[in-house]
Amino acid sequence: MGNIPQEDVLVVPRSLFDRAGAFQGFCADTAAYLPLLLDPQHTSWRPRASVEEDPSFKQLIPYCVLTWSDADGRPLFFAYTRGGGQSEARLRTKRSVGIGGHIASTDGEHGDDASYESGMLRELAEEVAIDGGYAARCVGLINDDSTSVGSVHLGIVHVLELERPLVASRESELVECGFESLESLLAARDRFETWSQITLDALASGLLV
């Protein structure tokens, strides 16, 4: 199982996701899922160690894509490599375009959209330092039941449009950081974790608008 931190994380029953309409890959219809997934009637806090290998629950994970447009209006995207000491062994040494992590019980007692928002901002602040303002929007969800990691997680994708391309890693396990064009990232698609591959494909298809 690996070295999993002892914390309670935000989850929903897998059956709730199935009832809302399970999908594989990327879905842009946030309105069909988020009000249900972030309803305290359905969410709960459960020990991370127990749900990491329990596919009857989906852990809700904010997945933030940082972007900036150059002088020519070309969008560039922040990417990095997960170091070998990363806590989730199944993702080590993979490239990624997403910043985020688990929503913890310390982020809010109710397990609602406010708890989620607080957890997303905390994860961002823990992993990167963003120098300047940004506009954030929620653009979709990611589900990947083809892997052991994906089967117990559900990603909620946010695009953060930065005023300036000034982002620095605050984590020793986030290395090789920088902004790259979509073409460059797609050329190295095989090096990326599955969620990032799904995100890159959605970007290429114009779905993250």
N, C-alpha and C. Protein backbone atom coordinates (compact mmCIF):
# COMPACT_ATOMS: atom_id res chain seq x y z
N MET A 1 0.82 -1.21 0.00
CA MET A 1 0.00 0.00 0.00
C MET A 1 0.86 1.26 0.00
N GLY A 2 2.06 1.17 0.50
CA GLY A 2 2.93 2.33 0.52
C GLY A 2 2.75 3.13 1.79
N ASN A 3 3.49 4.21 1.90
CA ASN A 3 3.46 5.05 3.10
C ASN A 3 2.35 6.08 2.96
N ILE A 4 1.13 5.74 3.38
CA ILE A 4 -0.01 6.62 3.24
C ILE A 4 -0.21 7.43 4.52
N PRO A 5 -0.26 8.77 4.41
CA PRO A 5 -0.44 9.60 5.61
C PRO A 5 -1.73 9.24 6.33
N GLN A 6 -1.70 9.34 7.66
CA GLN A 6 -2.90 9.07 8.45
C GLN A 6 -3.75 10.33 8.50
N GLU A 7 -4.77 10.37 7.67
CA GLU A 7 -5.66 11.51 7.63
C GLU A 7 -7.03 11.04 7.13
N ASP A 8 -8.05 11.81 7.46
CA ASP A 8 -9.39 11.53 6.95
C ASP A 8 -9.62 12.39 5.71
N VAL A 9 -10.09 11.76 4.63
CA VAL A 9 -10.25 12.46 3.36
C VAL A 9 -11.70 12.41 2.90
N LEU A 10 -12.04 13.34 2.01
CA LEU A 10 -13.41 13.48 1.53
C LEU A 10 -13.71 12.45 0.45
N VAL A 11 -14.79 11.70 0.65
CA VAL A 11 -15.17 10.65 -0.30
C VAL A 11 -16.67 10.70 -0.53
N VAL A 12 -17.07 10.09 -1.65
CA VAL A 12 -18.48 9.80 -1.92
C VAL A 12 -18.57 8.32 -2.29
N PRO A 13 -19.73 7.70 -2.09
CA PRO A 13 -19.88 6.31 -2.51
C PRO A 13 -19.74 6.17 -4.02
N ARG A 14 -19.08 5.14 -4.46
CA ARG A 14 -18.99 4.86 -5.89
C ARG A 14 -20.40 4.74 -6.50
N SER A 15 -21.33 4.21 -5.74
CA SER A 15 -22.70 4.04 -6.23
C SER A 15 -23.35 5.38 -6.58
N LEU A 16 -22.96 6.46 -5.88
CA LEU A 16 -23.47 7.79 -6.19
C LEU A 16 -22.97 8.25 -7.55
N PHE A 17 -21.70 8.02 -7.81
CA PHE A 17 -21.13 8.37 -9.12
C PHE A 17 -21.82 7.57 -10.22
N ASP A 18 -22.07 6.30 -9.96
CA ASP A 18 -22.76 5.48 -10.95
C ASP A 18 -24.17 6.01 -11.21
N ARG A 19 -24.84 6.43 -10.13
CA ARG A 19 -26.21 6.95 -10.29
C ARG A 19 -26.22 8.25 -11.09
N ALA A 20 -25.20 9.09 -10.88
CA ALA A 20 -25.12 10.35 -11.62
C ALA A 20 -24.78 10.11 -13.09
N GLY A 21 -24.13 8.99 -13.36
CA GLY A 21 -23.74 8.66 -14.74
C GLY A 21 -22.25 8.46 -14.85
N ALA A 22 -21.80 7.25 -14.54
CA ALA A 22 -20.36 6.96 -14.60
C ALA A 22 -19.85 7.11 -16.03
N PHE A 23 -18.63 7.58 -16.16
CA PHE A 23 -18.00 7.74 -17.47
C PHE A 23 -16.53 7.39 -17.34
N GLN A 24 -15.89 7.19 -18.46
CA GLN A 24 -14.45 6.93 -18.50
C GLN A 24 -13.79 8.06 -19.28
N GLY A 25 -12.78 8.70 -18.67
CA GLY A 25 -12.09 9.79 -19.35
C GLY A 25 -12.53 11.14 -18.80
N PHE A 26 -12.77 12.10 -19.72
CA PHE A 26 -13.10 13.47 -19.34
C PHE A 26 -14.57 13.77 -19.61
N CYS A 27 -15.21 14.50 -18.69
CA CYS A 27 -16.59 14.95 -18.87
C CYS A 27 -16.66 16.43 -18.50
N ALA A 28 -17.17 17.25 -19.40
CA ALA A 28 -17.23 18.69 -19.17
C ALA A 28 -18.51 19.13 -18.47
N ASP A 29 -19.45 18.23 -18.24
CA ASP A 29 -20.75 18.59 -17.69
C ASP A 29 -20.69 18.65 -16.16
N THR A 30 -20.06 19.70 -15.65
CA THR A 30 -19.91 19.83 -14.19
C THR A 30 -21.25 19.99 -13.49
N ALA A 31 -22.21 20.62 -14.14
CA ALA A 31 -23.51 20.87 -13.51
C ALA A 31 -24.25 19.58 -13.20
N ALA A 32 -23.95 18.52 -13.94
CA ALA A 32 -24.64 17.25 -13.73
C ALA A 32 -24.07 16.47 -12.55
N TYR A 33 -22.87 16.86 -12.09
CA TYR A 33 -22.18 16.07 -11.07
C TYR A 33 -21.89 16.81 -9.77
N LEU A 34 -21.37 18.03 -9.85
CA LEU A 34 -20.85 18.68 -8.65
C LEU A 34 -21.88 18.95 -7.56
N PRO A 35 -23.11 19.40 -7.89
CA PRO A 35 -24.08 19.61 -6.81
C PRO A 35 -24.36 18.31 -6.04
N LEU A 36 -24.34 17.19 -6.73
CA LEU A 36 -24.58 15.90 -6.09
C LEU A 36 -23.35 15.44 -5.31
N LEU A 37 -22.17 15.55 -5.93
CA LEU A 37 -20.94 15.05 -5.31
C LEU A 37 -20.53 15.84 -4.08
N LEU A 38 -20.87 17.12 -4.03
CA LEU A 38 -20.46 17.96 -2.90
C LEU A 38 -21.62 18.24 -1.95
N ASP A 39 -22.64 17.42 -2.00
CA ASP A 39 -23.76 17.51 -1.08
C ASP A 39 -23.39 16.77 0.21
N PRO A 40 -23.39 17.45 1.36
CA PRO A 40 -23.01 16.80 2.63
C PRO A 40 -23.85 15.57 2.97
N GLN A 41 -25.02 15.45 2.33
CA GLN A 41 -25.82 14.25 2.56
C GLN A 41 -25.13 13.00 2.00
N HIS A 42 -24.22 13.21 1.05
CA HIS A 42 -23.57 12.09 0.38
C HIS A 42 -22.09 11.95 0.73
N THR A 43 -21.44 13.06 1.08
CA THR A 43 -20.01 13.01 1.36
C THR A 43 -19.75 12.47 2.77
N SER A 44 -18.54 12.01 2.98
CA SER A 44 -18.12 11.59 4.32
C SER A 44 -16.61 11.69 4.41
N TRP A 45 -16.12 11.72 5.65
CA TRP A 45 -14.68 11.72 5.91
C TRP A 45 -14.29 10.30 6.30
N ARG A 46 -13.33 9.73 5.61
CA ARG A 46 -12.90 8.37 5.91
C ARG A 46 -11.37 8.30 5.92
N PRO A 47 -10.79 7.40 6.71
CA PRO A 47 -9.33 7.29 6.77
C PRO A 47 -8.75 7.01 5.39
N ARG A 48 -7.78 7.82 5.01
CA ARG A 48 -7.19 7.66 3.68
C ARG A 48 -6.61 6.26 3.49
N ALA A 49 -5.99 5.72 4.52
CA ALA A 49 -5.36 4.40 4.40
C ALA A 49 -6.38 3.32 4.04
N SER A 50 -7.63 3.50 4.48
CA SER A 50 -8.63 2.47 4.22
C SER A 50 -9.28 2.62 2.85
N VAL A 51 -9.39 3.86 2.35
CA VAL A 51 -10.08 4.05 1.06
C VAL A 51 -9.14 4.02 -0.14
N GLU A 52 -7.83 4.04 0.08
CA GLU A 52 -6.90 4.02 -1.06
C GLU A 52 -7.01 2.74 -1.88
N GLU A 53 -7.51 1.68 -1.26
CA GLU A 53 -7.66 0.43 -2.01
C GLU A 53 -9.08 -0.11 -1.90
N ASP A 54 -10.03 0.80 -1.75
CA ASP A 54 -11.44 0.43 -1.62
C ASP A 54 -12.25 1.10 -2.73
N PRO A 55 -12.47 0.43 -3.86
CA PRO A 55 -13.17 1.05 -4.99
C PRO A 55 -14.65 1.29 -4.76
N SER A 56 -15.18 0.97 -3.57
CA SER A 56 -16.58 1.30 -3.29
C SER A 56 -16.74 2.78 -2.92
N PHE A 57 -15.60 3.50 -2.79
CA PHE A 57 -15.62 4.93 -2.56
C PHE A 57 -14.75 5.64 -3.60
N LYS A 58 -15.15 6.86 -3.92
CA LYS A 58 -14.36 7.73 -4.77
C LYS A 58 -13.87 8.92 -3.94
N GLN A 59 -12.55 9.10 -3.88
CA GLN A 59 -11.96 10.26 -3.22
C GLN A 59 -12.00 11.43 -4.19
N LEU A 60 -12.51 12.57 -3.73
CA LEU A 60 -12.65 13.75 -4.59
C LEU A 60 -11.34 14.54 -4.58
N ILE A 61 -10.79 14.75 -5.77
CA ILE A 61 -9.47 15.37 -5.90
C ILE A 61 -9.53 16.58 -6.83
N PRO A 62 -9.25 17.80 -6.34
CA PRO A 62 -9.11 18.93 -7.26
C PRO A 62 -7.84 18.76 -8.10
N TYR A 63 -7.96 19.05 -9.38
CA TYR A 63 -6.85 18.88 -10.32
C TYR A 63 -6.72 20.19 -11.08
N CYS A 64 -5.76 21.02 -10.68
CA CYS A 64 -5.64 22.38 -11.18
C CYS A 64 -4.60 22.48 -12.29
N VAL A 65 -5.03 22.97 -13.43
CA VAL A 65 -4.16 23.17 -14.58
C VAL A 65 -3.81 24.66 -14.67
N LEU A 66 -2.53 24.97 -14.59
CA LEU A 66 -2.08 26.37 -14.61
C LEU A 66 -1.69 26.74 -16.03
N THR A 67 -2.24 27.85 -16.53
CA THR A 67 -1.95 28.27 -17.89
C THR A 67 -1.68 29.77 -17.96
N TRP A 68 -0.93 30.15 -18.95
CA TRP A 68 -0.59 31.55 -19.20
C TRP A 68 -0.43 31.72 -20.69
N SER A 69 -0.88 32.85 -21.22
CA SER A 69 -0.76 33.11 -22.66
C SER A 69 0.37 34.11 -22.91
N ASP A 70 1.23 33.79 -23.88
CA ASP A 70 2.36 34.66 -24.20
C ASP A 70 1.90 35.86 -25.02
N ALA A 71 2.87 36.67 -25.45
CA ALA A 71 2.54 37.92 -26.16
C ALA A 71 1.78 37.67 -27.45
N ASP A 72 1.94 36.50 -28.01
CA ASP A 72 1.24 36.15 -29.25
C ASP A 72 -0.12 35.49 -28.99
N GLY A 73 -0.48 35.40 -27.71
CA GLY A 73 -1.75 34.78 -27.37
C GLY A 73 -1.72 33.27 -27.34
N ARG A 74 -0.51 32.70 -27.41
CA ARG A 74 -0.39 31.24 -27.39
C ARG A 74 -0.43 30.74 -25.95
N PRO A 75 -1.34 29.83 -25.63
CA PRO A 75 -1.40 29.32 -24.26
C PRO A 75 -0.25 28.36 -23.96
N LEU A 76 0.35 28.54 -22.79
CA LEU A 76 1.39 27.64 -22.29
C LEU A 76 0.89 27.04 -20.98
N PHE A 77 1.34 25.82 -20.68
CA PHE A 77 0.81 25.09 -19.53
C PHE A 77 1.94 24.65 -18.61
N PHE A 78 1.68 24.78 -17.30
CA PHE A 78 2.66 24.40 -16.29
C PHE A 78 2.70 22.88 -16.17
N ALA A 79 3.91 22.32 -16.24
CA ALA A 79 4.10 20.88 -16.11
C ALA A 79 5.29 20.61 -15.21
N TYR A 80 5.31 19.41 -14.63
CA TYR A 80 6.39 19.05 -13.72
C TYR A 80 6.52 17.54 -13.68
N THR A 81 7.58 17.08 -13.01
CA THR A 81 7.79 15.65 -12.80
C THR A 81 7.66 15.35 -11.31
N ARG A 82 6.97 14.25 -10.99
CA ARG A 82 6.86 13.82 -9.60
C ARG A 82 8.13 13.07 -9.21
N GLY A 83 8.78 13.49 -8.14
CA GLY A 83 10.03 12.89 -7.72
C GLY A 83 9.87 11.48 -7.19
N GLY A 84 10.99 10.79 -7.03
CA GLY A 84 10.97 9.39 -6.61
C GLY A 84 10.51 9.16 -5.20
N GLY A 85 10.46 10.22 -4.38
CA GLY A 85 10.01 10.06 -3.00
C GLY A 85 8.56 10.44 -2.79
N GLN A 86 7.83 10.69 -3.89
CA GLN A 86 6.44 11.09 -3.80
C GLN A 86 5.63 10.07 -3.02
N SER A 87 4.68 10.52 -2.16
CA SER A 87 3.99 9.63 -1.23
C SER A 87 3.14 8.58 -1.94
N GLU A 88 2.59 8.92 -3.09
CA GLU A 88 1.81 7.95 -3.84
C GLU A 88 2.75 7.20 -4.79
N ALA A 89 3.16 6.00 -4.37
CA ALA A 89 4.17 5.23 -5.11
C ALA A 89 3.76 4.96 -6.54
N ARG A 90 2.43 4.86 -6.78
CA ARG A 90 1.95 4.51 -8.11
C ARG A 90 2.12 5.65 -9.12
N LEU A 91 2.49 6.86 -8.64
CA LEU A 91 2.64 8.01 -9.53
C LEU A 91 4.08 8.50 -9.63
N ARG A 92 5.00 7.86 -8.96
CA ARG A 92 6.38 8.35 -8.92
C ARG A 92 7.02 8.41 -10.29
N THR A 93 7.81 9.45 -10.50
CA THR A 93 8.60 9.74 -11.70
C THR A 93 7.74 10.03 -12.93
N LYS A 94 6.45 10.18 -12.75
CA LYS A 94 5.57 10.53 -13.87
C LYS A 94 5.52 12.05 -14.04
N ARG A 95 5.33 12.48 -15.29
CA ARG A 95 5.08 13.89 -15.56
C ARG A 95 3.62 14.21 -15.28
N SER A 96 3.33 15.49 -15.00
CA SER A 96 1.96 15.88 -14.69
C SER A 96 1.70 17.33 -15.10
N VAL A 97 0.44 17.63 -15.43
CA VAL A 97 0.02 19.01 -15.66
C VAL A 97 -1.00 19.44 -14.61
N GLY A 98 -1.23 18.61 -13.61
CA GLY A 98 -2.23 18.92 -12.59
C GLY A 98 -1.64 19.11 -11.21
N ILE A 99 -2.09 20.16 -10.53
CA ILE A 99 -1.71 20.41 -9.14
C ILE A 99 -2.94 20.15 -8.27
N GLY A 100 -2.77 19.40 -7.19
CA GLY A 100 -3.91 19.15 -6.31
C GLY A 100 -3.66 17.96 -5.42
N GLY A 101 -4.68 17.59 -4.68
CA GLY A 101 -4.55 16.48 -3.77
C GLY A 101 -5.84 16.27 -3.00
N HIS A 102 -5.77 15.47 -1.97
CA HIS A 102 -6.96 15.11 -1.21
C HIS A 102 -7.52 16.29 -0.42
N ILE A 103 -8.84 16.28 -0.25
CA ILE A 103 -9.51 17.21 0.66
C ILE A 103 -9.53 16.54 2.03
N ALA A 104 -8.96 17.19 3.03
CA ALA A 104 -8.84 16.61 4.37
C ALA A 104 -9.90 17.17 5.30
N SER A 105 -10.19 16.41 6.36
CA SER A 105 -11.21 16.83 7.32
C SER A 105 -10.85 18.16 7.99
N THR A 106 -9.57 18.50 8.01
CA THR A 106 -9.14 19.78 8.57
C THR A 106 -9.51 20.96 7.67
N ASP A 107 -9.96 20.67 6.43
CA ASP A 107 -10.35 21.73 5.50
C ASP A 107 -11.78 22.23 5.75
N GLY A 108 -12.54 21.51 6.55
CA GLY A 108 -13.91 21.93 6.85
C GLY A 108 -14.74 20.77 7.32
N GLU A 109 -15.51 20.99 8.35
CA GLU A 109 -16.21 19.87 8.98
C GLU A 109 -17.38 19.34 8.19
N HIS A 110 -17.95 20.14 7.28
CA HIS A 110 -19.21 19.74 6.67
C HIS A 110 -19.06 18.88 5.42
N GLY A 111 -17.88 18.84 4.83
CA GLY A 111 -17.72 18.05 3.62
C GLY A 111 -18.54 18.57 2.47
N ASP A 112 -18.61 19.90 2.33
CA ASP A 112 -19.41 20.54 1.30
C ASP A 112 -18.53 21.30 0.33
N ASP A 113 -19.14 22.17 -0.50
CA ASP A 113 -18.35 22.91 -1.48
C ASP A 113 -17.35 23.86 -0.82
N ALA A 114 -17.68 24.37 0.39
CA ALA A 114 -16.74 25.24 1.10
C ALA A 114 -15.53 24.44 1.58
N SER A 115 -15.75 23.23 2.08
CA SER A 115 -14.64 22.36 2.48
C SER A 115 -13.76 22.05 1.28
N TYR A 116 -14.41 21.78 0.15
CA TYR A 116 -13.68 21.45 -1.07
C TYR A 116 -12.82 22.64 -1.52
N GLU A 117 -13.42 23.82 -1.56
CA GLU A 117 -12.70 25.02 -1.99
C GLU A 117 -11.49 25.29 -1.08
N SER A 118 -11.70 25.14 0.22
CA SER A 118 -10.62 25.35 1.19
C SER A 118 -9.49 24.36 0.95
N GLY A 119 -9.84 23.10 0.71
CA GLY A 119 -8.83 22.08 0.46
C GLY A 119 -8.07 22.31 -0.83
N MET A 120 -8.77 22.74 -1.86
CA MET A 120 -8.12 23.02 -3.13
C MET A 120 -7.08 24.13 -2.98
N LEU A 121 -7.46 25.21 -2.31
CA LEU A 121 -6.54 26.34 -2.12
C LEU A 121 -5.36 25.93 -1.24
N ARG A 122 -5.62 25.11 -0.24
CA ARG A 122 -4.52 24.64 0.62
C ARG A 122 -3.53 23.81 -0.18
N GLU A 123 -4.04 22.87 -0.99
CA GLU A 123 -3.15 22.03 -1.79
C GLU A 123 -2.31 22.87 -2.75
N LEU A 124 -2.93 23.85 -3.37
CA LEU A 124 -2.19 24.74 -4.28
C LEU A 124 -1.06 25.44 -3.54
N ALA A 125 -1.39 26.01 -2.37
CA ALA A 125 -0.40 26.76 -1.61
C ALA A 125 0.72 25.87 -1.10
N GLU A 126 0.41 24.61 -0.80
CA GLU A 126 1.43 23.69 -0.32
C GLU A 126 2.39 23.26 -1.42
N GLU A 127 1.90 23.15 -2.64
CA GLU A 127 2.70 22.56 -3.71
C GLU A 127 3.43 23.60 -4.56
N VAL A 128 2.80 24.77 -4.79
CA VAL A 128 3.44 25.78 -5.63
C VAL A 128 3.24 27.17 -5.07
N ALA A 129 4.15 28.07 -5.44
CA ALA A 129 4.01 29.49 -5.14
C ALA A 129 3.69 30.20 -6.45
N ILE A 130 2.52 30.84 -6.50
CA ILE A 130 2.10 31.57 -7.70
C ILE A 130 2.30 33.05 -7.45
N ASP A 131 3.17 33.67 -8.23
CA ASP A 131 3.49 35.09 -8.08
C ASP A 131 2.59 35.89 -9.02
N GLY A 132 1.50 36.40 -8.48
CA GLY A 132 0.56 37.15 -9.30
C GLY A 132 -0.85 36.59 -9.19
N GLY A 133 -1.79 37.31 -9.77
CA GLY A 133 -3.18 36.90 -9.69
C GLY A 133 -3.53 35.87 -10.75
N TYR A 134 -4.74 35.32 -10.60
CA TYR A 134 -5.23 34.38 -11.60
C TYR A 134 -6.75 34.30 -11.52
N ALA A 135 -7.34 33.84 -12.61
CA ALA A 135 -8.78 33.58 -12.66
C ALA A 135 -8.97 32.08 -12.77
N ALA A 136 -9.80 31.53 -11.88
CA ALA A 136 -10.00 30.08 -11.84
C ALA A 136 -11.41 29.73 -12.31
N ARG A 137 -11.51 28.62 -13.03
CA ARG A 137 -12.82 28.12 -13.44
C ARG A 137 -12.80 26.60 -13.44
N CYS A 138 -13.90 26.02 -13.05
CA CYS A 138 -14.05 24.56 -13.04
C CYS A 138 -14.54 24.14 -14.41
N VAL A 139 -13.83 23.21 -15.05
CA VAL A 139 -14.12 22.89 -16.45
C VAL A 139 -14.58 21.46 -16.68
N GLY A 140 -14.48 20.58 -15.68
CA GLY A 140 -14.90 19.21 -15.93
C GLY A 140 -14.42 18.24 -14.87
N LEU A 141 -14.62 16.97 -15.16
CA LEU A 141 -14.23 15.91 -14.25
C LEU A 141 -13.44 14.84 -15.00
N ILE A 142 -12.59 14.13 -14.26
CA ILE A 142 -11.81 13.03 -14.82
C ILE A 142 -12.10 11.77 -14.03
N ASN A 143 -12.38 10.69 -14.75
CA ASN A 143 -12.50 9.38 -14.12
C ASN A 143 -11.73 8.37 -14.96
N ASP A 144 -10.95 7.55 -14.29
CA ASP A 144 -10.19 6.51 -14.99
C ASP A 144 -10.20 5.24 -14.15
N ASP A 145 -11.10 4.34 -14.50
CA ASP A 145 -11.21 3.09 -13.77
C ASP A 145 -10.28 2.01 -14.30
N SER A 146 -9.40 2.38 -15.23
CA SER A 146 -8.51 1.39 -15.83
C SER A 146 -7.25 1.15 -14.99
N THR A 147 -7.02 1.99 -13.97
CA THR A 147 -5.84 1.84 -13.13
C THR A 147 -6.26 1.73 -11.66
N SER A 148 -5.36 1.19 -10.84
CA SER A 148 -5.65 1.05 -9.41
C SER A 148 -5.78 2.40 -8.73
N VAL A 149 -5.01 3.39 -9.19
CA VAL A 149 -5.13 4.74 -8.63
C VAL A 149 -6.46 5.36 -9.04
N GLY A 150 -6.76 5.29 -10.31
CA GLY A 150 -7.97 5.93 -10.82
C GLY A 150 -9.25 5.34 -10.27
N SER A 151 -9.25 4.07 -9.98
CA SER A 151 -10.48 3.41 -9.54
C SER A 151 -10.97 3.91 -8.19
N VAL A 152 -10.10 4.55 -7.42
CA VAL A 152 -10.50 5.05 -6.09
C VAL A 152 -10.50 6.57 -6.01
N HIS A 153 -10.30 7.25 -7.14
CA HIS A 153 -10.28 8.71 -7.15
C HIS A 153 -11.18 9.26 -8.24
N LEU A 154 -11.64 10.47 -8.05
CA LEU A 154 -12.40 11.20 -9.06
C LEU A 154 -11.85 12.61 -9.11
N GLY A 155 -11.36 13.02 -10.27
CA GLY A 155 -10.74 14.32 -10.41
C GLY A 155 -11.73 15.40 -10.81
N ILE A 156 -11.60 16.56 -10.20
CA ILE A 156 -12.39 17.73 -10.58
C ILE A 156 -11.41 18.76 -11.14
N VAL A 157 -11.55 19.05 -12.42
CA VAL A 157 -10.53 19.82 -13.14
C VAL A 157 -10.83 21.32 -13.11
N HIS A 158 -9.83 22.09 -12.71
CA HIS A 158 -9.92 23.54 -12.69
C HIS A 158 -8.81 24.11 -13.57
N VAL A 159 -9.13 25.12 -14.36
CA VAL A 159 -8.13 25.84 -15.13
C VAL A 159 -7.88 27.18 -14.44
N LEU A 160 -6.61 27.45 -14.13
CA LEU A 160 -6.21 28.71 -13.52
C LEU A 160 -5.45 29.52 -14.55
N GLU A 161 -6.05 30.62 -15.01
CA GLU A 161 -5.43 31.48 -16.00
C GLU A 161 -4.61 32.54 -15.28
N LEU A 162 -3.29 32.42 -15.37
CA LEU A 162 -2.38 33.27 -14.60
C LEU A 162 -2.08 34.59 -15.31
N GLU A 163 -1.89 35.63 -14.50
CA GLU A 163 -1.48 36.92 -15.05
C GLU A 163 -0.04 36.89 -15.52
N ARG A 164 0.78 36.11 -14.80
CA ARG A 164 2.21 36.02 -15.13
C ARG A 164 2.67 34.57 -15.02
N PRO A 165 3.66 34.16 -15.80
CA PRO A 165 4.12 32.77 -15.77
C PRO A 165 5.15 32.53 -14.67
N LEU A 166 4.82 32.97 -13.46
CA LEU A 166 5.77 32.88 -12.35
C LEU A 166 5.24 31.89 -11.32
N VAL A 167 5.66 30.65 -11.47
CA VAL A 167 5.23 29.58 -10.57
C VAL A 167 6.47 28.81 -10.12
N ALA A 168 6.61 28.61 -8.82
CA ALA A 168 7.76 27.89 -8.28
C ALA A 168 7.28 26.74 -7.40
N SER A 169 8.00 25.64 -7.46
CA SER A 169 7.65 24.48 -6.64
C SER A 169 7.96 24.75 -5.17
N ARG A 170 7.05 24.34 -4.30
CA ARG A 170 7.29 24.39 -2.87
C ARG A 170 7.52 23.00 -2.30
N GLU A 171 7.49 21.99 -3.18
CA GLU A 171 7.65 20.60 -2.77
C GLU A 171 8.92 20.04 -3.39
N SER A 172 9.72 19.36 -2.58
CA SER A 172 10.95 18.76 -3.11
C SER A 172 10.65 17.67 -4.13
N GLU A 173 9.42 17.15 -4.11
CA GLU A 173 9.05 16.07 -5.03
C GLU A 173 8.40 16.58 -6.31
N LEU A 174 8.31 17.90 -6.47
CA LEU A 174 7.85 18.49 -7.72
C LEU A 174 9.06 19.12 -8.39
N VAL A 175 9.57 18.45 -9.42
CA VAL A 175 10.80 18.89 -10.06
C VAL A 175 10.57 19.08 -11.56
N GLU A 176 11.59 19.61 -12.24
CA GLU A 176 11.53 19.84 -13.69
C GLU A 176 10.28 20.64 -14.05
N CYS A 177 10.07 21.74 -13.32
CA CYS A 177 8.87 22.55 -13.49
C CYS A 177 9.06 23.61 -14.58
N GLY A 178 7.99 23.93 -15.27
CA GLY A 178 8.03 25.00 -16.24
C GLY A 178 6.82 25.01 -17.14
N PHE A 179 6.70 26.07 -17.94
CA PHE A 179 5.59 26.21 -18.87
C PHE A 179 6.00 25.71 -20.25
N GLU A 180 5.10 24.96 -20.87
CA GLU A 180 5.36 24.40 -22.20
C GLU A 180 4.11 24.54 -23.06
N SER A 181 4.30 24.49 -24.36
CA SER A 181 3.17 24.53 -25.27
C SER A 181 2.44 23.19 -25.26
N LEU A 182 1.19 23.22 -25.68
CA LEU A 182 0.43 21.98 -25.75
C LEU A 182 1.09 21.00 -26.72
N GLU A 183 1.62 21.50 -27.80
CA GLU A 183 2.29 20.63 -28.77
C GLU A 183 3.47 19.89 -28.15
N SER A 184 4.25 20.61 -27.35
CA SER A 184 5.40 20.00 -26.69
C SER A 184 4.96 18.94 -25.69
N LEU A 185 3.92 19.23 -24.94
CA LEU A 185 3.42 18.28 -23.95
C LEU A 185 2.84 17.04 -24.62
N LEU A 186 2.12 17.23 -25.70
CA LEU A 186 1.54 16.08 -26.41
C LEU A 186 2.63 15.20 -27.02
N ALA A 187 3.74 15.81 -27.41
CA ALA A 187 4.84 15.03 -27.99
C ALA A 187 5.45 14.09 -26.97
N ALA A 188 5.31 14.43 -25.68
CA ALA A 188 5.85 13.59 -24.60
C ALA A 188 4.71 12.93 -23.81
N ARG A 189 3.56 12.75 -24.44
CA ARG A 189 2.36 12.28 -23.75
C ARG A 189 2.59 10.98 -22.97
N ASP A 190 3.39 10.08 -23.49
CA ASP A 190 3.59 8.78 -22.85
C ASP A 190 4.29 8.89 -21.49
N ARG A 191 4.95 10.01 -21.23
CA ARG A 191 5.65 10.19 -19.97
C ARG A 191 4.73 10.67 -18.85
N PHE A 192 3.49 11.03 -19.20
CA PHE A 192 2.59 11.65 -18.23
C PHE A 192 1.71 10.62 -17.54
N GLU A 193 1.32 10.97 -16.30
CA GLU A 193 0.35 10.15 -15.58
C GLU A 193 -0.96 10.13 -16.35
N THR A 194 -1.80 9.14 -16.06
CA THR A 194 -3.02 8.94 -16.84
C THR A 194 -3.93 10.16 -16.83
N TRP A 195 -4.15 10.76 -15.66
CA TRP A 195 -5.03 11.92 -15.61
C TRP A 195 -4.51 13.05 -16.48
N SER A 196 -3.18 13.24 -16.53
CA SER A 196 -2.62 14.28 -17.37
C SER A 196 -2.79 13.93 -18.85
N GLN A 197 -2.68 12.68 -19.20
CA GLN A 197 -2.93 12.27 -20.58
C GLN A 197 -4.36 12.60 -20.98
N ILE A 198 -5.30 12.30 -20.08
CA ILE A 198 -6.70 12.61 -20.35
C ILE A 198 -6.90 14.12 -20.48
N THR A 199 -6.24 14.89 -19.61
CA THR A 199 -6.34 16.36 -19.67
C THR A 199 -5.76 16.90 -20.95
N LEU A 200 -4.60 16.41 -21.34
CA LEU A 200 -3.96 16.87 -22.58
C LEU A 200 -4.83 16.55 -23.79
N ASP A 201 -5.42 15.38 -23.81
CA ASP A 201 -6.30 15.00 -24.91
C ASP A 201 -7.53 15.92 -24.96
N ALA A 202 -8.06 16.26 -23.77
CA ALA A 202 -9.21 17.17 -23.71
C ALA A 202 -8.83 18.56 -24.19
N LEU A 203 -7.64 19.02 -23.83
CA LEU A 203 -7.14 20.31 -24.32
C LEU A 203 -7.01 20.30 -25.84
N ALA A 204 -6.45 19.23 -26.35
CA ALA A 204 -6.24 19.11 -27.79
C ALA A 204 -7.57 19.08 -28.54
N SER A 205 -8.61 18.55 -27.88
CA SER A 205 -9.92 18.44 -28.51
C SER A 205 -10.77 19.71 -28.30
N GLY A 206 -10.24 20.67 -27.56
CA GLY A 206 -10.96 21.90 -27.30
C GLY A 206 -12.05 21.79 -26.27
N LEU A 207 -11.97 20.78 -25.40
CA LEU A 207 -13.02 20.55 -24.41
C LEU A 207 -12.84 21.38 -23.15
N LEU A 208 -11.62 21.84 -22.87
CA LEU A 208 -11.37 22.63 -21.66
C LEU A 208 -11.50 24.11 -22.00
N VAL A 209 -12.74 24.56 -22.22
CA VAL A 209 -12.97 25.94 -22.62
C VAL A 209 -13.58 26.72 -21.48
